Protein backbone atom coordinates (compact mmCIF):
# COMPACT_ATOMS: atom_id res chain seq x y z
CA MET A 1 0.00 0.00 0.00
CA GLY A 2 1.38 3.38 -0.93
CA THR A 3 1.61 6.38 1.30
CA LYS A 4 1.23 10.07 0.70
CA LYS A 5 2.65 12.93 2.70
CA VAL A 6 0.09 15.50 3.88
CA THR A 7 0.14 18.55 6.10
CA VAL A 8 -2.28 18.87 9.01
CA THR A 9 -2.68 21.36 11.83
CA ILE A 10 -2.87 19.88 15.33
CA PRO A 11 -3.16 21.74 18.64
CA GLU A 12 0.30 21.92 20.21
CA ASP A 13 -0.68 20.33 23.53
CA LEU A 14 -2.27 17.37 21.74
CA LEU A 15 0.76 16.97 19.52
CA ASP A 16 3.04 16.86 22.57
CA GLU A 17 0.91 14.10 24.12
CA ILE A 18 0.77 12.13 20.88
CA ARG A 19 4.52 12.35 20.33
CA ALA A 20 5.09 10.96 23.82
CA ASP A 21 2.66 8.06 23.21
CA ALA A 22 3.90 7.37 19.68
CA ALA A 23 7.63 7.49 20.37
CA GLU A 24 8.51 3.92 19.33
CA ARG A 25 6.05 3.52 16.46
CA GLY A 26 6.46 7.00 15.10
CA LEU A 27 4.01 9.82 14.68
CA SER A 28 2.88 8.83 11.18
CA ALA A 29 1.98 5.27 12.23
CA TYR A 30 0.17 6.58 15.31
CA VAL A 31 -1.87 9.08 13.30
CA ALA A 32 -2.66 6.51 10.59
CA ASP A 33 -3.94 4.07 13.24
CA ALA A 34 -6.03 6.81 14.86
CA LEU A 35 -7.56 7.75 11.52
CA ARG A 36 -8.41 4.11 10.76
CA ILE A 37 -10.09 3.77 14.15
CA LYS A 38 -12.07 6.98 13.57
CA ARG A 39 -13.11 5.86 10.09
CA ASP A 40 -14.24 2.47 11.40
CA ARG A 41 -16.19 4.10 14.25
CA ASP A 42 -17.91 6.46 11.82
CA ARG A 43 -18.93 3.49 9.67
CA LEU A 44 -20.30 1.66 12.69
CA LEU A 45 -22.31 4.71 13.71
CA GLU A 46 -23.76 4.88 10.19
CA LEU A 47 -24.75 1.22 10.52
CA VAL A 48 -26.35 1.83 13.92
CA ASP A 49 -28.34 4.76 12.49
CA TRP A 50 -29.53 2.64 9.57
CA LEU A 51 -30.45 -0.31 11.82
CA GLN A 52 -32.41 1.95 14.16
CA LYS A 53 -34.31 3.44 11.22
CA GLU A 54 -35.10 -0.04 9.92
CA HIS A 55 -35.87 -1.79 13.23
CA GLY A 56 -36.42 0.93 15.82
CA PRO A 57 -34.21 1.89 18.73
CA VAL A 58 -32.58 -0.70 20.97
CA THR A 59 -34.63 -1.35 24.09
CA GLU A 60 -33.11 -1.21 27.57
CA ASP A 61 -33.52 -5.00 27.89
CA GLU A 62 -31.71 -5.57 24.58
CA HIS A 63 -28.94 -3.19 25.65
CA GLU A 64 -28.48 -4.96 28.99
CA ALA A 65 -28.46 -8.38 27.29
CA ALA A 66 -25.79 -7.21 24.84
CA LEU A 67 -23.63 -5.83 27.66
CA ALA A 68 -23.94 -9.10 29.58
CA GLU A 69 -22.89 -11.06 26.49
CA LEU A 70 -19.88 -8.77 26.02
CA GLU A 71 -18.89 -9.30 29.65
CA ASP A 72 -19.07 -13.07 29.13
CA LEU A 73 -16.92 -12.82 26.00
CA ASP A 74 -14.39 -10.60 27.76
CA ALA A 75 -14.18 -13.08 30.65
CA GLU A 76 -13.63 -15.96 28.20
CA HIS A 77 -10.92 -14.05 26.34
CA GLU A 78 -9.21 -13.25 29.64
CA ARG A 79 -9.42 -16.90 30.71
CA ARG A 80 -7.83 -17.99 27.42
CA ARG A 81 -5.15 -15.32 27.71
CA ILE A 82 -4.22 -16.45 31.21
CA THR A 83 -4.26 -20.17 30.47
CA GLY A 84 -2.69 -19.78 27.04
CA GLY A 85 -5.39 -22.03 25.70
CA ASN A 86 -7.27 -21.53 22.50
CA ASN A 87 -9.52 -24.56 22.89
CA ALA A 88 -10.55 -24.55 19.23
CA GLY A 89 -13.98 -26.04 18.85
CA GLU A 90 -15.26 -24.87 22.22
CA ALA A 91 -17.94 -22.23 22.27
CA ALA A 92 -16.75 -18.89 23.57
């Protein structure tokens, strides 16, 4: 994938913080990652808007159920990280 040099204006205090965080990877890699994350988030928000128009807003019960499922998944990922096990074939 090619790259292209661009000029952007960033508040000085933010730039100082970013440079400190990005020291090993470099500023360009840090900014590129941040832009990818922002782009992906924007796309997800567009999907959420579309889904809510098509199916209505998420109910409180649906929201709580989704959060509980995410907590279960996080706990399973943490368990696998600690044990070093992948346990392919097991449900997460």
